[in-house]
Amino acid sequence: MNNKEIVLDTILSQGMLPLFFYEDADVSLEVIRTMYRAGVRVLEYTNRGKEALSNFYSIKKAVKAEMPDMHLGIGTIKTGLEAEAFVEAGADFIVSPIIDSEVARVAGNHGKLWIPGCMTPTEIHVAQQHKARLIKIFPANIVGPAFISSIRELFPGQLFIPTGGVEIEAGNIAEWFRSGVCAVGMGSKLVSRNVLDKRLYDQLYNDTVKALELVQLSK
């Protein structure tokens, strides 16, 4: 099984893809350590600040040494140049808020799973033409679970993951899975700015365990 398939299988089995960015590399690493202890084995760090690339280099080095079974991807990738830079830094997969043919090309050339963001049936069709195995519905809080339910039969076999609007709440998570998603993206509802700024690692651990349990009950 190649790296792309391993990462995809891990996302599917975990059922949740946590994602976050923080300016401080040490705090970022401690967040990842905390979620790893809670059971997370695939995680997206987002390219949302000038420190993201240098942080990713140092975080990836530590993850490789301490958590060899953790798959660490990079999100918010919008250009081929960004994709190349983070692949060089060791990204295991690439997530985008958009569809960009250069990002798709870079991911394909390096054998990386690419997860593009889509909001319309036309965008989903274009993503499929670029061979996207997993498509991110973003911003999911705008379209809601009803969107997935309405379009999934148009795209049989396509895997979807919503990002935005997913709560750590049984009814909300269950509704997303009933709509037809294979996993859920969990950002600020799990790794909030308050958790990051105040280093609330115990809270993060407990919330991560709860989120993982709710996902497994909903799958």
N, C-alpha and C. Protein backbone atom coordinates (compact mmCIF):
# COMPACT_ATOMS: atom_id res chain seq x y z
N MET A 1 0.85 -1.19 0.00
CA MET A 1 0.00 0.00 0.00
C MET A 1 0.88 1.25 0.00
N ASN A 2 0.62 2.18 -0.92
CA ASN A 2 1.46 3.37 -1.00
C ASN A 2 1.05 4.40 0.05
N ASN A 3 1.87 5.45 0.17
CA ASN A 3 1.65 6.47 1.20
C ASN A 3 0.28 7.13 1.06
N LYS A 4 -0.13 7.39 -0.18
CA LYS A 4 -1.41 8.05 -0.42
C LYS A 4 -2.55 7.20 0.15
N GLU A 5 -2.50 5.90 -0.10
CA GLU A 5 -3.56 5.00 0.38
C GLU A 5 -3.52 4.85 1.90
N ILE A 6 -2.33 4.83 2.46
CA ILE A 6 -2.20 4.70 3.92
C ILE A 6 -2.81 5.92 4.61
N VAL A 7 -2.50 7.12 4.10
CA VAL A 7 -3.05 8.34 4.70
C VAL A 7 -4.56 8.35 4.57
N LEU A 8 -5.08 8.03 3.40
CA LEU A 8 -6.52 8.02 3.19
C LEU A 8 -7.19 7.01 4.12
N ASP A 9 -6.64 5.82 4.24
CA ASP A 9 -7.21 4.80 5.12
C ASP A 9 -7.20 5.26 6.58
N THR A 10 -6.14 5.98 6.97
CA THR A 10 -6.06 6.48 8.35
C THR A 10 -7.12 7.53 8.61
N ILE A 11 -7.36 8.42 7.65
CA ILE A 11 -8.42 9.42 7.79
C ILE A 11 -9.78 8.73 7.90
N LEU A 12 -10.00 7.73 7.07
CA LEU A 12 -11.28 7.02 7.09
C LEU A 12 -11.50 6.28 8.40
N SER A 13 -10.46 5.63 8.90
CA SER A 13 -10.61 4.87 10.15
C SER A 13 -10.73 5.81 11.36
N GLN A 14 -9.99 6.90 11.34
CA GLN A 14 -10.08 7.86 12.44
C GLN A 14 -11.42 8.60 12.39
N GLY A 15 -11.89 8.89 11.18
CA GLY A 15 -13.19 9.54 11.01
C GLY A 15 -13.20 11.01 11.31
N MET A 16 -12.06 11.56 11.64
CA MET A 16 -11.95 12.97 12.00
C MET A 16 -10.57 13.46 11.60
N LEU A 17 -10.52 14.67 11.04
CA LEU A 17 -9.24 15.27 10.70
C LEU A 17 -9.09 16.58 11.46
N PRO A 18 -8.35 16.58 12.58
CA PRO A 18 -8.13 17.82 13.31
C PRO A 18 -7.23 18.75 12.51
N LEU A 19 -7.45 20.06 12.63
CA LEU A 19 -6.61 21.02 11.91
C LEU A 19 -6.45 22.29 12.73
N PHE A 20 -5.25 22.85 12.66
CA PHE A 20 -5.00 24.09 13.38
C PHE A 20 -3.70 24.71 12.90
N PHE A 21 -3.50 25.98 13.29
CA PHE A 21 -2.22 26.67 13.12
C PHE A 21 -2.00 27.53 14.36
N TYR A 22 -0.74 27.63 14.76
CA TYR A 22 -0.38 28.57 15.82
C TYR A 22 1.02 29.09 15.55
N GLU A 23 1.23 30.35 15.91
CA GLU A 23 2.49 31.00 15.56
C GLU A 23 3.70 30.39 16.27
N ASP A 24 3.50 29.90 17.47
CA ASP A 24 4.59 29.35 18.27
C ASP A 24 4.78 27.87 17.94
N ALA A 25 5.98 27.52 17.49
CA ALA A 25 6.25 26.13 17.08
C ALA A 25 6.21 25.17 18.27
N ASP A 26 6.69 25.62 19.42
CA ASP A 26 6.71 24.74 20.60
C ASP A 26 5.29 24.42 21.07
N VAL A 27 4.44 25.44 21.08
CA VAL A 27 3.04 25.21 21.45
C VAL A 27 2.37 24.30 20.42
N SER A 28 2.64 24.55 19.14
CA SER A 28 2.07 23.72 18.07
C SER A 28 2.45 22.25 18.28
N LEU A 29 3.70 22.01 18.60
CA LEU A 29 4.15 20.64 18.81
C LEU A 29 3.47 20.02 20.04
N GLU A 30 3.31 20.79 21.09
CA GLU A 30 2.66 20.26 22.29
C GLU A 30 1.19 19.94 22.03
N VAL A 31 0.55 20.73 21.18
CA VAL A 31 -0.83 20.44 20.78
C VAL A 31 -0.88 19.09 20.06
N ILE A 32 0.06 18.88 19.16
CA ILE A 32 0.10 17.62 18.42
C ILE A 32 0.40 16.45 19.35
N ARG A 33 1.32 16.64 20.27
CA ARG A 33 1.61 15.59 21.26
C ARG A 33 0.35 15.24 22.07
N THR A 34 -0.38 16.27 22.47
CA THR A 34 -1.59 16.07 23.27
C THR A 34 -2.63 15.28 22.49
N MET A 35 -2.85 15.66 21.24
CA MET A 35 -3.84 14.95 20.43
C MET A 35 -3.38 13.53 20.10
N TYR A 36 -2.09 13.35 19.95
CA TYR A 36 -1.55 12.01 19.72
C TYR A 36 -1.85 11.11 20.92
N ARG A 37 -1.63 11.63 22.13
CA ARG A 37 -1.92 10.85 23.33
C ARG A 37 -3.41 10.51 23.42
N ALA A 38 -4.24 11.39 22.85
CA ALA A 38 -5.69 11.16 22.88
C ALA A 38 -6.14 10.16 21.81
N GLY A 39 -5.23 9.81 20.89
CA GLY A 39 -5.56 8.81 19.90
C GLY A 39 -5.51 9.25 18.45
N VAL A 40 -5.15 10.51 18.21
CA VAL A 40 -5.09 11.03 16.83
C VAL A 40 -3.85 10.48 16.12
N ARG A 41 -4.05 10.02 14.88
CA ARG A 41 -2.94 9.49 14.08
C ARG A 41 -2.82 10.16 12.71
N VAL A 42 -3.70 11.12 12.42
CA VAL A 42 -3.57 11.91 11.20
C VAL A 42 -4.09 13.31 11.52
N LEU A 43 -3.32 14.33 11.11
CA LEU A 43 -3.61 15.69 11.53
C LEU A 43 -3.16 16.67 10.45
N GLU A 44 -3.89 17.77 10.33
CA GLU A 44 -3.56 18.81 9.35
C GLU A 44 -3.08 20.07 10.06
N TYR A 45 -1.87 20.49 9.75
CA TYR A 45 -1.37 21.79 10.20
C TYR A 45 -1.65 22.77 9.07
N THR A 46 -2.15 23.97 9.38
CA THR A 46 -2.58 24.85 8.29
C THR A 46 -1.57 25.97 8.01
N ASN A 47 -1.46 26.31 6.75
CA ASN A 47 -0.53 27.34 6.28
C ASN A 47 -1.20 28.71 6.40
N ARG A 48 -1.36 29.16 7.63
CA ARG A 48 -2.12 30.39 7.86
C ARG A 48 -1.32 31.47 8.58
N GLY A 49 -0.04 31.44 8.43
CA GLY A 49 0.79 32.46 9.05
C GLY A 49 2.19 32.39 8.49
N LYS A 50 2.93 33.47 8.63
CA LYS A 50 4.28 33.52 8.05
C LYS A 50 5.22 32.51 8.69
N GLU A 51 4.86 32.03 9.88
CA GLU A 51 5.71 31.06 10.58
C GLU A 51 5.43 29.62 10.16
N ALA A 52 4.41 29.42 9.34
CA ALA A 52 3.93 28.05 9.08
C ALA A 52 5.02 27.13 8.53
N LEU A 53 5.77 27.59 7.55
CA LEU A 53 6.77 26.71 6.92
C LEU A 53 7.90 26.36 7.88
N SER A 54 8.45 27.35 8.56
CA SER A 54 9.54 27.05 9.50
C SER A 54 9.03 26.20 10.66
N ASN A 55 7.82 26.49 11.12
CA ASN A 55 7.22 25.66 12.17
C ASN A 55 7.09 24.21 11.70
N PHE A 56 6.63 24.05 10.46
CA PHE A 56 6.38 22.71 9.95
C PHE A 56 7.67 21.89 9.92
N TYR A 57 8.76 22.50 9.50
CA TYR A 57 10.05 21.79 9.49
C TYR A 57 10.40 21.25 10.87
N SER A 58 10.29 22.10 11.89
CA SER A 58 10.68 21.66 13.24
C SER A 58 9.68 20.67 13.82
N ILE A 59 8.39 20.91 13.57
CA ILE A 59 7.35 20.00 14.07
C ILE A 59 7.50 18.62 13.43
N LYS A 60 7.71 18.59 12.13
CA LYS A 60 7.82 17.31 11.42
C LYS A 60 9.00 16.50 11.93
N LYS A 61 10.10 17.17 12.21
CA LYS A 61 11.28 16.48 12.74
C LYS A 61 10.96 15.79 14.06
N ALA A 62 10.26 16.53 14.95
CA ALA A 62 9.92 15.97 16.26
C ALA A 62 8.89 14.85 16.12
N VAL A 63 7.90 15.06 15.24
CA VAL A 63 6.86 14.04 15.04
C VAL A 63 7.49 12.74 14.53
N LYS A 64 8.42 12.86 13.60
CA LYS A 64 9.08 11.68 13.05
C LYS A 64 9.83 10.91 14.13
N ALA A 65 10.43 11.64 15.06
CA ALA A 65 11.20 11.00 16.12
C ALA A 65 10.31 10.41 17.21
N GLU A 66 9.26 11.13 17.57
CA GLU A 66 8.44 10.74 18.72
C GLU A 66 7.18 9.97 18.36
N MET A 67 6.62 10.26 17.18
CA MET A 67 5.31 9.72 16.80
C MET A 67 5.37 9.18 15.37
N PRO A 68 6.13 8.12 15.13
CA PRO A 68 6.37 7.66 13.76
C PRO A 68 5.13 7.21 13.01
N ASP A 69 4.05 6.90 13.74
CA ASP A 69 2.82 6.49 13.05
C ASP A 69 1.83 7.65 12.89
N MET A 70 2.28 8.88 13.14
CA MET A 70 1.44 10.06 12.92
C MET A 70 1.64 10.58 11.50
N HIS A 71 0.54 10.79 10.78
CA HIS A 71 0.59 11.36 9.43
C HIS A 71 0.27 12.84 9.54
N LEU A 72 1.25 13.68 9.22
CA LEU A 72 1.11 15.13 9.38
C LEU A 72 1.02 15.79 8.00
N GLY A 73 -0.13 16.38 7.72
CA GLY A 73 -0.33 17.05 6.44
C GLY A 73 -0.32 18.56 6.59
N ILE A 74 -0.39 19.23 5.47
CA ILE A 74 -0.42 20.69 5.45
C ILE A 74 -1.69 21.16 4.76
N GLY A 75 -2.34 22.14 5.34
CA GLY A 75 -3.57 22.69 4.78
C GLY A 75 -3.42 24.13 4.33
N THR A 76 -4.48 24.66 3.72
CA THR A 76 -4.51 26.02 3.19
C THR A 76 -3.41 26.22 2.15
N ILE A 77 -3.26 25.24 1.27
CA ILE A 77 -2.28 25.33 0.19
C ILE A 77 -3.00 25.75 -1.10
N LYS A 78 -2.57 26.88 -1.67
CA LYS A 78 -3.28 27.46 -2.80
C LYS A 78 -2.45 27.56 -4.07
N THR A 79 -1.15 27.31 -3.98
CA THR A 79 -0.29 27.40 -5.16
C THR A 79 0.65 26.21 -5.24
N GLY A 80 1.15 25.96 -6.45
CA GLY A 80 2.12 24.90 -6.62
C GLY A 80 3.40 25.15 -5.84
N LEU A 81 3.81 26.41 -5.76
CA LEU A 81 5.03 26.74 -5.02
C LEU A 81 4.89 26.41 -3.54
N GLU A 82 3.72 26.75 -2.98
CA GLU A 82 3.48 26.39 -1.57
C GLU A 82 3.50 24.87 -1.40
N ALA A 83 2.87 24.18 -2.31
CA ALA A 83 2.82 22.72 -2.22
C ALA A 83 4.23 22.13 -2.26
N GLU A 84 5.05 22.59 -3.19
CA GLU A 84 6.43 22.10 -3.29
C GLU A 84 7.20 22.36 -2.01
N ALA A 85 7.04 23.55 -1.44
CA ALA A 85 7.78 23.92 -0.23
C ALA A 85 7.43 23.00 0.93
N PHE A 86 6.15 22.69 1.08
CA PHE A 86 5.75 21.86 2.23
C PHE A 86 6.00 20.38 1.98
N VAL A 87 5.98 19.95 0.73
CA VAL A 87 6.40 18.58 0.44
C VAL A 87 7.87 18.42 0.81
N GLU A 88 8.66 19.41 0.48
CA GLU A 88 10.09 19.41 0.84
C GLU A 88 10.26 19.37 2.36
N ALA A 89 9.33 20.01 3.07
CA ALA A 89 9.38 20.04 4.54
C ALA A 89 8.87 18.74 5.16
N GLY A 90 8.31 17.84 4.34
CA GLY A 90 7.91 16.54 4.84
C GLY A 90 6.42 16.31 4.97
N ALA A 91 5.59 17.14 4.36
CA ALA A 91 4.14 16.97 4.47
C ALA A 91 3.70 15.61 3.92
N ASP A 92 2.87 14.91 4.65
CA ASP A 92 2.39 13.60 4.23
C ASP A 92 1.19 13.70 3.29
N PHE A 93 0.48 14.81 3.34
CA PHE A 93 -0.65 15.04 2.43
C PHE A 93 -0.90 16.54 2.34
N ILE A 94 -1.71 16.93 1.35
CA ILE A 94 -1.94 18.35 1.06
C ILE A 94 -3.43 18.62 1.02
N VAL A 95 -3.85 19.66 1.75
CA VAL A 95 -5.25 20.07 1.77
C VAL A 95 -5.35 21.50 1.24
N SER A 96 -6.34 21.75 0.41
CA SER A 96 -6.53 23.08 -0.18
C SER A 96 -7.95 23.57 0.08
N PRO A 97 -8.13 24.90 0.20
CA PRO A 97 -9.49 25.44 0.31
C PRO A 97 -10.14 25.61 -1.07
N ILE A 98 -9.35 25.37 -2.11
CA ILE A 98 -9.77 25.60 -3.50
C ILE A 98 -9.29 24.44 -4.37
N ILE A 99 -9.63 24.51 -5.66
CA ILE A 99 -9.06 23.59 -6.65
C ILE A 99 -8.01 24.35 -7.43
N ASP A 100 -6.80 23.88 -7.42
CA ASP A 100 -5.72 24.49 -8.18
C ASP A 100 -4.97 23.39 -8.92
N SER A 101 -4.88 23.50 -10.23
CA SER A 101 -4.29 22.42 -11.02
C SER A 101 -2.82 22.21 -10.70
N GLU A 102 -2.10 23.28 -10.34
CA GLU A 102 -0.69 23.14 -10.01
C GLU A 102 -0.50 22.39 -8.70
N VAL A 103 -1.36 22.65 -7.74
CA VAL A 103 -1.30 21.91 -6.47
C VAL A 103 -1.59 20.43 -6.73
N ALA A 104 -2.59 20.18 -7.56
CA ALA A 104 -2.92 18.79 -7.91
C ALA A 104 -1.74 18.12 -8.59
N ARG A 105 -1.07 18.84 -9.46
CA ARG A 105 0.08 18.29 -10.19
C ARG A 105 1.22 17.95 -9.22
N VAL A 106 1.53 18.87 -8.32
CA VAL A 106 2.61 18.65 -7.36
C VAL A 106 2.29 17.43 -6.48
N ALA A 107 1.06 17.37 -6.00
CA ALA A 107 0.66 16.23 -5.16
C ALA A 107 0.80 14.92 -5.93
N GLY A 108 0.36 14.93 -7.18
CA GLY A 108 0.46 13.73 -8.00
C GLY A 108 1.89 13.32 -8.27
N ASN A 109 2.73 14.30 -8.56
CA ASN A 109 4.15 14.02 -8.84
C ASN A 109 4.86 13.39 -7.65
N HIS A 110 4.43 13.78 -6.45
CA HIS A 110 5.10 13.28 -5.24
C HIS A 110 4.33 12.14 -4.57
N GLY A 111 3.25 11.68 -5.20
CA GLY A 111 2.49 10.59 -4.63
C GLY A 111 1.79 10.93 -3.33
N LYS A 112 1.36 12.19 -3.20
CA LYS A 112 0.70 12.64 -1.98
C LYS A 112 -0.82 12.72 -2.17
N LEU A 113 -1.56 12.38 -1.14
CA LEU A 113 -3.00 12.58 -1.15
C LEU A 113 -3.28 14.07 -1.19
N TRP A 114 -4.16 14.48 -2.11
CA TRP A 114 -4.56 15.88 -2.23
C TRP A 114 -6.05 15.98 -1.95
N ILE A 115 -6.42 16.88 -1.03
CA ILE A 115 -7.81 17.06 -0.63
C ILE A 115 -8.22 18.49 -0.96
N PRO A 116 -8.86 18.73 -2.11
CA PRO A 116 -9.27 20.08 -2.48
C PRO A 116 -10.59 20.48 -1.84
N GLY A 117 -10.78 21.78 -1.68
CA GLY A 117 -12.02 22.30 -1.13
C GLY A 117 -13.02 22.66 -2.21
N CYS A 118 -14.27 22.25 -2.01
CA CYS A 118 -15.34 22.51 -2.99
C CYS A 118 -16.59 22.98 -2.26
N MET A 119 -17.42 23.76 -3.00
CA MET A 119 -18.66 24.26 -2.43
C MET A 119 -19.85 24.07 -3.38
N THR A 120 -19.58 23.65 -4.62
CA THR A 120 -20.65 23.48 -5.60
C THR A 120 -20.48 22.16 -6.35
N PRO A 121 -21.54 21.66 -6.98
CA PRO A 121 -21.42 20.46 -7.80
C PRO A 121 -20.41 20.63 -8.93
N THR A 122 -20.34 21.79 -9.52
CA THR A 122 -19.37 22.03 -10.60
C THR A 122 -17.94 21.88 -10.08
N GLU A 123 -17.67 22.44 -8.91
CA GLU A 123 -16.32 22.32 -8.33
C GLU A 123 -16.00 20.86 -8.00
N ILE A 124 -16.98 20.12 -7.51
CA ILE A 124 -16.76 18.70 -7.22
C ILE A 124 -16.40 17.96 -8.50
N HIS A 125 -17.11 18.28 -9.58
CA HIS A 125 -16.82 17.65 -10.88
C HIS A 125 -15.40 17.97 -11.34
N VAL A 126 -14.98 19.22 -11.19
CA VAL A 126 -13.62 19.61 -11.58
C VAL A 126 -12.59 18.89 -10.71
N ALA A 127 -12.87 18.80 -9.42
CA ALA A 127 -11.95 18.09 -8.51
C ALA A 127 -11.81 16.63 -8.92
N GLN A 128 -12.91 16.01 -9.32
CA GLN A 128 -12.84 14.63 -9.78
C GLN A 128 -12.00 14.51 -11.05
N GLN A 129 -12.09 15.49 -11.94
CA GLN A 129 -11.27 15.48 -13.15
C GLN A 129 -9.78 15.55 -12.81
N HIS A 130 -9.47 16.13 -11.64
CA HIS A 130 -8.09 16.18 -11.16
C HIS A 130 -7.77 15.00 -10.25
N LYS A 131 -8.67 13.99 -10.28
CA LYS A 131 -8.45 12.72 -9.57
C LYS A 131 -8.40 12.85 -8.04
N ALA A 132 -9.22 13.73 -7.49
CA ALA A 132 -9.30 13.88 -6.03
C ALA A 132 -10.07 12.72 -5.43
N ARG A 133 -9.42 11.91 -4.62
CA ARG A 133 -10.08 10.78 -3.97
C ARG A 133 -11.01 11.26 -2.84
N LEU A 134 -10.54 12.26 -2.13
CA LEU A 134 -11.29 12.82 -1.00
C LEU A 134 -11.47 14.31 -1.24
N ILE A 135 -12.70 14.79 -1.10
CA ILE A 135 -13.01 16.20 -1.35
C ILE A 135 -13.51 16.85 -0.07
N LYS A 136 -12.94 18.01 0.23
CA LYS A 136 -13.36 18.78 1.40
C LYS A 136 -14.52 19.69 1.02
N ILE A 137 -15.62 19.60 1.75
CA ILE A 137 -16.72 20.53 1.56
C ILE A 137 -16.45 21.72 2.48
N PHE A 138 -16.22 22.88 1.86
CA PHE A 138 -15.79 24.06 2.61
C PHE A 138 -16.33 25.33 1.96
N PRO A 139 -16.85 26.27 2.76
CA PRO A 139 -17.11 26.17 4.21
C PRO A 139 -18.40 25.40 4.48
N ALA A 140 -18.27 24.32 5.21
CA ALA A 140 -19.40 23.42 5.42
C ALA A 140 -20.51 24.05 6.26
N ASN A 141 -20.18 25.04 7.08
CA ASN A 141 -21.21 25.68 7.89
C ASN A 141 -22.20 26.47 7.03
N ILE A 142 -21.79 26.83 5.82
CA ILE A 142 -22.67 27.57 4.92
C ILE A 142 -23.65 26.62 4.22
N VAL A 143 -23.13 25.47 3.74
CA VAL A 143 -23.99 24.56 2.97
C VAL A 143 -24.73 23.55 3.84
N GLY A 144 -24.11 23.10 4.93
CA GLY A 144 -24.76 22.20 5.86
C GLY A 144 -24.87 20.75 5.37
N PRO A 145 -25.25 19.84 6.28
CA PRO A 145 -25.38 18.42 5.92
C PRO A 145 -26.37 18.18 4.78
N ALA A 146 -27.40 19.01 4.67
CA ALA A 146 -28.41 18.81 3.63
C ALA A 146 -27.79 18.89 2.23
N PHE A 147 -26.73 19.67 2.09
CA PHE A 147 -26.05 19.76 0.79
C PHE A 147 -25.46 18.41 0.40
N ILE A 148 -24.78 17.76 1.35
CA ILE A 148 -24.18 16.45 1.09
C ILE A 148 -25.28 15.45 0.71
N SER A 149 -26.35 15.44 1.49
CA SER A 149 -27.45 14.52 1.21
C SER A 149 -28.02 14.72 -0.19
N SER A 150 -28.05 15.98 -0.63
CA SER A 150 -28.66 16.32 -1.91
C SER A 150 -27.79 15.97 -3.11
N ILE A 151 -26.47 16.02 -2.95
CA ILE A 151 -25.59 15.85 -4.12
C ILE A 151 -24.85 14.52 -4.16
N ARG A 152 -24.88 13.75 -3.09
CA ARG A 152 -24.02 12.56 -3.04
C ARG A 152 -24.36 11.54 -4.12
N GLU A 153 -25.65 11.45 -4.50
CA GLU A 153 -26.02 10.49 -5.54
C GLU A 153 -25.55 10.93 -6.92
N LEU A 154 -25.23 12.21 -7.07
CA LEU A 154 -24.67 12.69 -8.34
C LEU A 154 -23.23 12.22 -8.52
N PHE A 155 -22.58 11.90 -7.41
CA PHE A 155 -21.16 11.55 -7.43
C PHE A 155 -20.95 10.23 -6.68
N PRO A 156 -21.47 9.13 -7.21
CA PRO A 156 -21.38 7.84 -6.50
C PRO A 156 -19.93 7.43 -6.24
N GLY A 157 -19.69 7.02 -5.01
CA GLY A 157 -18.35 6.57 -4.63
C GLY A 157 -17.40 7.67 -4.19
N GLN A 158 -17.79 8.93 -4.39
CA GLN A 158 -16.90 10.03 -4.00
C GLN A 158 -16.89 10.18 -2.48
N LEU A 159 -15.72 10.38 -1.92
CA LEU A 159 -15.57 10.57 -0.48
C LEU A 159 -15.58 12.07 -0.16
N PHE A 160 -16.35 12.44 0.87
CA PHE A 160 -16.47 13.84 1.28
C PHE A 160 -16.11 14.01 2.75
N ILE A 161 -15.47 15.14 3.06
CA ILE A 161 -15.19 15.52 4.44
C ILE A 161 -15.54 16.99 4.62
N PRO A 162 -16.49 17.33 5.52
CA PRO A 162 -16.83 18.73 5.75
C PRO A 162 -15.86 19.40 6.72
N THR A 163 -15.53 20.65 6.46
CA THR A 163 -14.72 21.43 7.38
C THR A 163 -15.41 22.77 7.62
N GLY A 164 -15.61 23.10 8.89
CA GLY A 164 -16.37 24.28 9.27
C GLY A 164 -17.78 23.85 9.65
N GLY A 165 -18.23 24.25 10.82
CA GLY A 165 -19.59 23.91 11.23
C GLY A 165 -19.74 22.56 11.89
N VAL A 166 -18.63 21.88 12.18
CA VAL A 166 -18.70 20.59 12.88
C VAL A 166 -18.46 20.83 14.37
N GLU A 167 -19.42 20.44 15.17
CA GLU A 167 -19.37 20.68 16.61
C GLU A 167 -19.00 19.39 17.36
N ILE A 168 -18.43 19.54 18.55
CA ILE A 168 -18.19 18.37 19.41
C ILE A 168 -19.48 18.08 20.15
N GLU A 169 -20.43 17.58 19.41
CA GLU A 169 -21.77 17.33 19.94
C GLU A 169 -22.36 16.17 19.18
N ALA A 170 -22.92 15.21 19.90
CA ALA A 170 -23.34 13.95 19.30
C ALA A 170 -24.31 14.15 18.14
N GLY A 171 -25.33 14.99 18.33
CA GLY A 171 -26.32 15.18 17.28
C GLY A 171 -25.74 15.78 16.02
N ASN A 172 -24.85 16.76 16.20
CA ASN A 172 -24.24 17.42 15.05
C ASN A 172 -23.36 16.46 14.25
N ILE A 173 -22.50 15.74 14.95
CA ILE A 173 -21.60 14.81 14.26
C ILE A 173 -22.39 13.70 13.59
N ALA A 174 -23.39 13.17 14.28
CA ALA A 174 -24.21 12.11 13.70
C ALA A 174 -24.93 12.59 12.44
N GLU A 175 -25.39 13.84 12.45
CA GLU A 175 -26.09 14.38 11.29
C GLU A 175 -25.17 14.45 10.07
N TRP A 176 -23.93 14.84 10.28
CA TRP A 176 -22.97 14.88 9.17
C TRP A 176 -22.76 13.49 8.59
N PHE A 177 -22.57 12.50 9.44
CA PHE A 177 -22.34 11.14 8.93
C PHE A 177 -23.58 10.58 8.25
N ARG A 178 -24.75 10.89 8.77
CA ARG A 178 -25.98 10.45 8.12
C ARG A 178 -26.11 11.07 6.72
N SER A 179 -25.57 12.25 6.54
CA SER A 179 -25.66 12.93 5.25
C SER A 179 -24.79 12.26 4.18
N GLY A 180 -23.81 11.46 4.63
CA GLY A 180 -22.99 10.72 3.68
C GLY A 180 -21.51 11.02 3.68
N VAL A 181 -21.01 11.76 4.68
CA VAL A 181 -19.57 12.04 4.72
C VAL A 181 -18.83 10.82 5.27
N CYS A 182 -17.52 10.74 4.97
CA CYS A 182 -16.70 9.63 5.45
C CYS A 182 -15.89 10.01 6.68
N ALA A 183 -15.79 11.32 6.93
CA ALA A 183 -15.03 11.85 8.07
C ALA A 183 -15.42 13.31 8.23
N VAL A 184 -15.02 13.92 9.34
CA VAL A 184 -15.30 15.34 9.56
C VAL A 184 -14.01 16.08 9.88
N GLY A 185 -13.90 17.29 9.38
CA GLY A 185 -12.78 18.15 9.74
C GLY A 185 -13.13 18.91 11.01
N MET A 186 -12.18 18.99 11.93
CA MET A 186 -12.44 19.64 13.22
C MET A 186 -11.37 20.69 13.49
N GLY A 187 -11.74 21.96 13.37
CA GLY A 187 -10.78 23.04 13.54
C GLY A 187 -10.94 23.75 14.86
N SER A 188 -11.41 25.00 14.81
CA SER A 188 -11.44 25.84 16.00
C SER A 188 -12.43 25.36 17.06
N LYS A 189 -13.37 24.51 16.69
CA LYS A 189 -14.28 23.97 17.70
C LYS A 189 -13.54 23.00 18.63
N LEU A 190 -12.41 22.48 18.15
CA LEU A 190 -11.59 21.57 18.95
C LEU A 190 -10.34 22.28 19.47
N VAL A 191 -9.60 22.89 18.54
CA VAL A 191 -8.35 23.58 18.91
C VAL A 191 -8.62 25.08 18.81
N SER A 192 -9.25 25.62 19.83
CA SER A 192 -9.65 27.03 19.81
C SER A 192 -8.46 27.94 20.12
N ARG A 193 -8.64 29.20 19.79
CA ARG A 193 -7.59 30.18 20.12
C ARG A 193 -7.37 30.24 21.62
N ASN A 194 -8.43 30.09 22.40
CA ASN A 194 -8.31 30.12 23.85
C ASN A 194 -7.46 28.95 24.35
N VAL A 195 -7.68 27.77 23.78
CA VAL A 195 -6.88 26.60 24.14
C VAL A 195 -5.41 26.84 23.82
N LEU A 196 -5.15 27.43 22.66
CA LEU A 196 -3.78 27.68 22.24
C LEU A 196 -3.11 28.75 23.09
N ASP A 197 -3.78 29.88 23.26
CA ASP A 197 -3.17 30.99 23.99
C ASP A 197 -2.94 30.66 25.46
N LYS A 198 -3.86 29.87 26.04
CA LYS A 198 -3.78 29.58 27.47
C LYS A 198 -3.16 28.21 27.76
N ARG A 199 -2.72 27.53 26.68
CA ARG A 199 -2.06 26.22 26.83
C ARG A 199 -2.94 25.24 27.61
N LEU A 200 -4.20 25.15 27.22
CA LEU A 200 -5.16 24.30 27.93
C LEU A 200 -5.08 22.87 27.40
N TYR A 201 -3.96 22.23 27.66
CA TYR A 201 -3.71 20.91 27.09
C TYR A 201 -4.62 19.83 27.67
N ASP A 202 -4.95 19.92 28.95
CA ASP A 202 -5.84 18.92 29.55
C ASP A 202 -7.23 19.01 28.91
N GLN A 203 -7.71 20.23 28.72
CA GLN A 203 -9.00 20.41 28.06
C GLN A 203 -8.95 19.87 26.63
N LEU A 204 -7.86 20.15 25.93
CA LEU A 204 -7.72 19.66 24.56
C LEU A 204 -7.71 18.14 24.53
N TYR A 205 -7.01 17.53 25.46
CA TYR A 205 -6.97 16.06 25.52
C TYR A 205 -8.37 15.50 25.70
N ASN A 206 -9.10 16.04 26.68
CA ASN A 206 -10.44 15.52 26.97
C ASN A 206 -11.40 15.75 25.79
N ASP A 207 -11.31 16.93 25.17
CA ASP A 207 -12.18 17.23 24.03
C ASP A 207 -11.86 16.34 22.83
N THR A 208 -10.58 16.04 22.65
CA THR A 208 -10.17 15.18 21.54
C THR A 208 -10.67 13.76 21.74
N VAL A 209 -10.53 13.25 22.95
CA VAL A 209 -11.04 11.91 23.26
C VAL A 209 -12.55 11.86 23.01
N LYS A 210 -13.26 12.89 23.48
CA LYS A 210 -14.71 12.93 23.30
C LYS A 210 -15.08 12.98 21.82
N ALA A 211 -14.39 13.83 21.06
CA ALA A 211 -14.69 13.96 19.63
C ALA A 211 -14.45 12.64 18.90
N LEU A 212 -13.34 11.98 19.19
CA LEU A 212 -13.05 10.69 18.56
C LEU A 212 -14.10 9.65 18.91
N GLU A 213 -14.55 9.64 20.14
CA GLU A 213 -15.58 8.69 20.56
C GLU A 213 -16.90 8.97 19.84
N LEU A 214 -17.29 10.24 19.75
CA LEU A 214 -18.54 10.59 19.08
C LEU A 214 -18.50 10.23 17.60
N VAL A 215 -17.34 10.42 16.99
CA VAL A 215 -17.19 10.07 15.58
C VAL A 215 -17.37 8.57 15.40
N GLN A 216 -16.73 7.77 16.24
CA GLN A 216 -16.82 6.31 16.09
C GLN A 216 -18.27 5.82 16.31
N LEU A 217 -18.99 6.48 17.18
CA LEU A 217 -20.38 6.11 17.42
C LEU A 217 -21.27 6.51 16.25
N SER A 218 -20.84 7.51 15.47
CA SER A 218 -21.66 8.04 14.38
C SER A 218 -21.38 7.42 13.04
N LYS A 219 -20.21 6.75 12.89
CA LYS A 219 -19.81 6.22 11.59
C LYS A 219 -20.71 5.07 11.14
